[in-house]
Amino acid sequence: MKVFVSASDALADRSRELIQRMEASGIDSVDEDVSTRPGPEGPLAIQESIRTANAVVCVVDPGAERSPRLQEEWRWAIVESWSAPAKPMISVVVGNAQVPGF
C-alpha cells in the first residue's frame, strides 16, 4: 500500500514521524520532497503521486486551509476519490483545527 501524506510545512516534523511509523508498519509513503519540488514539475509530481497512491492522509492543523499548496493537494485528492472511490481520504486533525468540508 502506498499513501500520500498532505501536511503543512509547520507540521513537517510530525508528518515525518507519521511517515516513519507507517513505513515501520509496512505502509509505503510518497516521497515527502515531492510537494516541495520547484517549478512546473512540482504540481505535476504531486498530482501523479496522489493518482498512484492507494490512500491520501490529510494532516489538518489550524491555518492549513489558508495554504494554497494544501488546497491544491486536497482538491486533487477529492477529484481522485471521485474517480477511484476505493481510495480513502483520511483526515488527521491536529490541535483545535476544523476538519475541512471535503
N, C-alpha and C. Protein backbone atom coordinates (compact mmCIF):
# COMPACT_ATOMS: atom_id res chain seq x y z
N MET A 1 0.85 -1.18 0.00
CA MET A 1 0.00 0.00 0.00
C MET A 1 0.89 1.23 0.00
N LYS A 2 0.50 2.22 -0.79
CA LYS A 2 1.25 3.47 -0.90
C LYS A 2 0.32 4.61 -0.49
N VAL A 3 0.78 5.48 0.42
CA VAL A 3 -0.04 6.56 0.95
C VAL A 3 0.62 7.91 0.67
N PHE A 4 -0.19 8.85 0.21
CA PHE A 4 0.26 10.24 0.04
C PHE A 4 -0.13 10.99 1.30
N VAL A 5 0.84 11.65 1.94
CA VAL A 5 0.58 12.42 3.15
C VAL A 5 0.65 13.90 2.80
N SER A 6 -0.45 14.60 3.03
CA SER A 6 -0.55 16.03 2.78
C SER A 6 -0.52 16.75 4.13
N ALA A 7 0.51 17.55 4.36
CA ALA A 7 0.65 18.26 5.64
C ALA A 7 1.33 19.60 5.40
N SER A 8 1.04 20.54 6.27
CA SER A 8 1.64 21.87 6.16
C SER A 8 3.12 21.82 6.54
N ASP A 9 3.84 22.84 6.11
CA ASP A 9 5.26 22.94 6.46
C ASP A 9 5.44 23.04 7.97
N ALA A 10 4.46 23.64 8.65
CA ALA A 10 4.53 23.79 10.10
C ALA A 10 4.51 22.44 10.81
N LEU A 11 3.98 21.42 10.15
CA LEU A 11 3.91 20.09 10.75
C LEU A 11 4.90 19.12 10.11
N ALA A 12 5.97 19.64 9.54
CA ALA A 12 6.94 18.79 8.86
C ALA A 12 7.49 17.70 9.77
N ASP A 13 7.83 18.04 11.01
CA ASP A 13 8.38 17.04 11.93
C ASP A 13 7.35 15.97 12.25
N ARG A 14 6.12 16.39 12.52
CA ARG A 14 5.07 15.42 12.85
C ARG A 14 4.72 14.54 11.66
N SER A 15 4.69 15.13 10.47
CA SER A 15 4.35 14.33 9.30
C SER A 15 5.47 13.34 8.99
N ARG A 16 6.73 13.73 9.19
CA ARG A 16 7.83 12.79 9.01
C ARG A 16 7.72 11.64 10.01
N GLU A 17 7.33 11.96 11.25
CA GLU A 17 7.16 10.92 12.25
C GLU A 17 6.02 9.97 11.85
N LEU A 18 4.92 10.52 11.35
CA LEU A 18 3.81 9.70 10.88
C LEU A 18 4.27 8.79 9.75
N ILE A 19 5.01 9.34 8.81
CA ILE A 19 5.51 8.56 7.67
C ILE A 19 6.43 7.45 8.16
N GLN A 20 7.31 7.75 9.10
CA GLN A 20 8.23 6.73 9.64
C GLN A 20 7.45 5.60 10.31
N ARG A 21 6.42 5.97 11.05
CA ARG A 21 5.61 4.94 11.72
C ARG A 21 4.84 4.08 10.72
N MET A 22 4.32 4.71 9.67
CA MET A 22 3.63 3.95 8.64
C MET A 22 4.59 2.99 7.96
N GLU A 23 5.78 3.50 7.61
CA GLU A 23 6.76 2.66 6.93
C GLU A 23 7.23 1.51 7.82
N ALA A 24 7.34 1.75 9.13
CA ALA A 24 7.70 0.68 10.07
C ALA A 24 6.62 -0.40 10.12
N SER A 25 5.39 -0.02 9.76
CA SER A 25 4.27 -0.97 9.72
C SER A 25 4.08 -1.58 8.34
N GLY A 26 4.98 -1.27 7.41
CA GLY A 26 4.89 -1.84 6.08
C GLY A 26 4.08 -1.05 5.08
N ILE A 27 3.75 0.19 5.42
CA ILE A 27 2.98 1.06 4.52
C ILE A 27 3.96 2.04 3.87
N ASP A 28 4.05 2.00 2.55
CA ASP A 28 4.93 2.92 1.84
C ASP A 28 4.29 4.28 1.75
N SER A 29 5.12 5.31 1.68
CA SER A 29 4.61 6.66 1.51
C SER A 29 5.24 7.28 0.28
N VAL A 30 4.59 8.30 -0.20
CA VAL A 30 5.13 9.06 -1.32
C VAL A 30 6.33 9.84 -0.81
N ASP A 31 7.30 10.03 -1.66
CA ASP A 31 8.49 10.81 -1.32
C ASP A 31 8.05 12.14 -0.74
N GLU A 32 8.45 12.42 0.50
CA GLU A 32 7.98 13.64 1.17
C GLU A 32 8.48 14.91 0.50
N ASP A 33 9.51 14.83 -0.34
CA ASP A 33 10.01 16.02 -1.02
C ASP A 33 9.21 16.34 -2.28
N VAL A 34 8.27 15.47 -2.66
CA VAL A 34 7.53 15.69 -3.90
C VAL A 34 6.76 17.01 -3.85
N SER A 35 6.25 17.40 -2.70
CA SER A 35 5.42 18.60 -2.63
C SER A 35 6.25 19.89 -2.59
N THR A 36 7.56 19.77 -2.50
CA THR A 36 8.38 20.99 -2.45
C THR A 36 9.23 21.16 -3.70
N ARG A 37 8.99 20.36 -4.72
CA ARG A 37 9.78 20.49 -5.94
C ARG A 37 9.49 21.83 -6.60
N PRO A 38 10.54 22.55 -6.97
CA PRO A 38 10.32 23.85 -7.61
C PRO A 38 9.87 23.70 -9.07
N GLY A 39 9.34 24.77 -9.58
CA GLY A 39 8.98 24.81 -10.99
C GLY A 39 7.72 24.04 -11.32
N PRO A 40 7.46 23.91 -12.62
CA PRO A 40 6.22 23.28 -13.07
C PRO A 40 6.14 21.78 -12.76
N GLU A 41 7.28 21.13 -12.51
CA GLU A 41 7.26 19.70 -12.21
C GLU A 41 6.63 19.42 -10.85
N GLY A 42 6.74 20.36 -9.91
CA GLY A 42 6.21 20.15 -8.56
C GLY A 42 4.74 19.80 -8.55
N PRO A 43 3.87 20.67 -9.07
CA PRO A 43 2.43 20.35 -9.07
C PRO A 43 2.10 19.08 -9.85
N LEU A 44 2.78 18.85 -10.95
CA LEU A 44 2.51 17.63 -11.72
C LEU A 44 2.95 16.39 -10.95
N ALA A 45 4.07 16.49 -10.24
CA ALA A 45 4.54 15.36 -9.43
C ALA A 45 3.57 15.06 -8.30
N ILE A 46 3.03 16.11 -7.68
CA ILE A 46 2.05 15.92 -6.61
C ILE A 46 0.80 15.24 -7.16
N GLN A 47 0.30 15.75 -8.26
CA GLN A 47 -0.91 15.18 -8.86
C GLN A 47 -0.70 13.71 -9.22
N GLU A 48 0.44 13.38 -9.79
CA GLU A 48 0.74 11.99 -10.16
C GLU A 48 0.88 11.12 -8.91
N SER A 49 1.49 11.65 -7.88
CA SER A 49 1.66 10.89 -6.63
C SER A 49 0.31 10.59 -5.99
N ILE A 50 -0.59 11.54 -6.01
CA ILE A 50 -1.93 11.32 -5.46
C ILE A 50 -2.68 10.30 -6.32
N ARG A 51 -2.51 10.40 -7.64
CA ARG A 51 -3.20 9.48 -8.54
C ARG A 51 -2.74 8.05 -8.31
N THR A 52 -1.45 7.84 -8.07
CA THR A 52 -0.93 6.48 -7.94
C THR A 52 -0.98 5.95 -6.51
N ALA A 53 -1.32 6.79 -5.55
CA ALA A 53 -1.41 6.35 -4.16
C ALA A 53 -2.68 5.51 -3.95
N ASN A 54 -2.63 4.65 -2.93
CA ASN A 54 -3.79 3.85 -2.57
C ASN A 54 -4.70 4.59 -1.59
N ALA A 55 -4.15 5.61 -0.91
CA ALA A 55 -4.91 6.40 0.06
C ALA A 55 -4.21 7.75 0.21
N VAL A 56 -4.97 8.72 0.71
CA VAL A 56 -4.44 10.05 0.99
C VAL A 56 -4.74 10.39 2.44
N VAL A 57 -3.70 10.79 3.17
CA VAL A 57 -3.86 11.25 4.55
C VAL A 57 -3.67 12.76 4.54
N CYS A 58 -4.69 13.48 5.01
CA CYS A 58 -4.64 14.94 5.09
C CYS A 58 -4.46 15.33 6.55
N VAL A 59 -3.26 15.82 6.88
CA VAL A 59 -2.98 16.27 8.24
C VAL A 59 -3.42 17.73 8.31
N VAL A 60 -4.44 17.99 9.14
CA VAL A 60 -5.05 19.32 9.20
C VAL A 60 -4.70 19.98 10.52
N ASP A 61 -4.04 21.13 10.43
CA ASP A 61 -3.73 21.92 11.61
C ASP A 61 -4.41 23.27 11.48
N PRO A 62 -4.50 24.04 12.58
CA PRO A 62 -5.11 25.37 12.47
C PRO A 62 -4.36 26.18 11.41
N GLY A 63 -5.07 26.73 10.48
CA GLY A 63 -4.46 27.54 9.43
C GLY A 63 -4.14 26.77 8.16
N ALA A 64 -4.28 25.46 8.18
CA ALA A 64 -3.95 24.66 7.00
C ALA A 64 -4.80 25.05 5.79
N GLU A 65 -6.03 25.44 6.05
CA GLU A 65 -6.92 25.80 4.94
C GLU A 65 -6.44 27.04 4.20
N ARG A 66 -5.55 27.82 4.80
CA ARG A 66 -5.04 29.02 4.14
C ARG A 66 -3.84 28.73 3.23
N SER A 67 -3.36 27.49 3.24
CA SER A 67 -2.20 27.13 2.42
C SER A 67 -2.64 26.80 0.99
N PRO A 68 -2.17 27.57 0.01
CA PRO A 68 -2.52 27.26 -1.38
C PRO A 68 -2.05 25.86 -1.80
N ARG A 69 -0.88 25.45 -1.33
CA ARG A 69 -0.37 24.12 -1.68
C ARG A 69 -1.30 23.03 -1.15
N LEU A 70 -1.70 23.15 0.12
CA LEU A 70 -2.59 22.14 0.70
C LEU A 70 -3.95 22.15 0.02
N GLN A 71 -4.46 23.32 -0.30
CA GLN A 71 -5.73 23.42 -1.01
C GLN A 71 -5.66 22.66 -2.34
N GLU A 72 -4.54 22.83 -3.03
CA GLU A 72 -4.34 22.14 -4.31
C GLU A 72 -4.26 20.63 -4.10
N GLU A 73 -3.49 20.19 -3.11
CA GLU A 73 -3.38 18.76 -2.83
C GLU A 73 -4.74 18.17 -2.47
N TRP A 74 -5.49 18.87 -1.63
CA TRP A 74 -6.80 18.38 -1.22
C TRP A 74 -7.77 18.33 -2.40
N ARG A 75 -7.68 19.32 -3.27
CA ARG A 75 -8.55 19.35 -4.45
C ARG A 75 -8.26 18.14 -5.34
N TRP A 76 -6.97 17.86 -5.58
CA TRP A 76 -6.61 16.70 -6.39
C TRP A 76 -7.04 15.40 -5.72
N ALA A 77 -6.92 15.35 -4.39
CA ALA A 77 -7.33 14.15 -3.65
C ALA A 77 -8.84 13.94 -3.78
N ILE A 78 -9.61 15.02 -3.74
CA ILE A 78 -11.06 14.92 -3.89
C ILE A 78 -11.42 14.42 -5.29
N VAL A 79 -10.79 15.01 -6.29
CA VAL A 79 -11.04 14.58 -7.67
C VAL A 79 -10.70 13.10 -7.82
N GLU A 80 -9.59 12.71 -7.25
CA GLU A 80 -9.15 11.31 -7.33
C GLU A 80 -10.11 10.38 -6.60
N SER A 81 -10.64 10.83 -5.46
CA SER A 81 -11.57 9.98 -4.70
C SER A 81 -12.89 9.79 -5.46
N TRP A 82 -13.26 10.75 -6.28
CA TRP A 82 -14.48 10.59 -7.09
C TRP A 82 -14.24 9.61 -8.23
N SER A 83 -13.04 9.64 -8.81
CA SER A 83 -12.77 8.73 -9.93
C SER A 83 -12.32 7.35 -9.45
N ALA A 84 -11.83 7.26 -8.22
CA ALA A 84 -11.41 5.98 -7.64
C ALA A 84 -12.01 5.87 -6.24
N PRO A 85 -13.30 5.53 -6.15
CA PRO A 85 -14.00 5.53 -4.85
C PRO A 85 -13.37 4.63 -3.79
N ALA A 86 -12.60 3.65 -4.19
CA ALA A 86 -11.97 2.76 -3.20
C ALA A 86 -10.75 3.41 -2.55
N LYS A 87 -10.35 4.59 -3.02
CA LYS A 87 -9.18 5.29 -2.47
C LYS A 87 -9.66 6.19 -1.33
N PRO A 88 -9.35 5.82 -0.08
CA PRO A 88 -9.82 6.65 1.04
C PRO A 88 -9.02 7.92 1.23
N MET A 89 -9.73 8.94 1.69
CA MET A 89 -9.11 10.18 2.18
C MET A 89 -9.30 10.18 3.68
N ILE A 90 -8.19 10.24 4.41
CA ILE A 90 -8.24 10.16 5.86
C ILE A 90 -7.75 11.49 6.43
N SER A 91 -8.56 12.11 7.28
CA SER A 91 -8.17 13.38 7.91
C SER A 91 -7.59 13.09 9.29
N VAL A 92 -6.45 13.70 9.57
CA VAL A 92 -5.84 13.66 10.89
C VAL A 92 -5.84 15.09 11.39
N VAL A 93 -6.62 15.36 12.43
CA VAL A 93 -6.79 16.72 12.93
C VAL A 93 -5.84 16.96 14.09
N VAL A 94 -5.07 18.06 14.00
CA VAL A 94 -4.09 18.41 15.00
C VAL A 94 -4.56 19.66 15.72
N GLY A 95 -4.53 19.63 17.05
CA GLY A 95 -4.91 20.79 17.84
C GLY A 95 -6.39 21.08 17.69
N ASN A 96 -6.71 22.37 17.62
CA ASN A 96 -8.11 22.78 17.54
C ASN A 96 -8.53 23.10 16.11
N ALA A 97 -7.87 22.46 15.15
CA ALA A 97 -8.20 22.67 13.74
C ALA A 97 -9.61 22.11 13.45
N GLN A 98 -10.23 22.70 12.45
CA GLN A 98 -11.54 22.23 12.00
C GLN A 98 -11.33 21.36 10.76
N VAL A 99 -12.03 20.26 10.69
CA VAL A 99 -11.93 19.40 9.52
C VAL A 99 -12.52 20.13 8.32
N PRO A 100 -11.77 20.22 7.22
CA PRO A 100 -12.30 20.88 6.03
C PRO A 100 -13.54 20.17 5.50
N GLY A 101 -14.31 20.87 4.73
CA GLY A 101 -15.56 20.33 4.21
C GLY A 101 -15.41 19.41 3.04
N PHE A 102 -14.32 18.68 2.95
CA PHE A 102 -14.24 17.72 1.86
C PHE A 102 -14.77 16.39 2.31
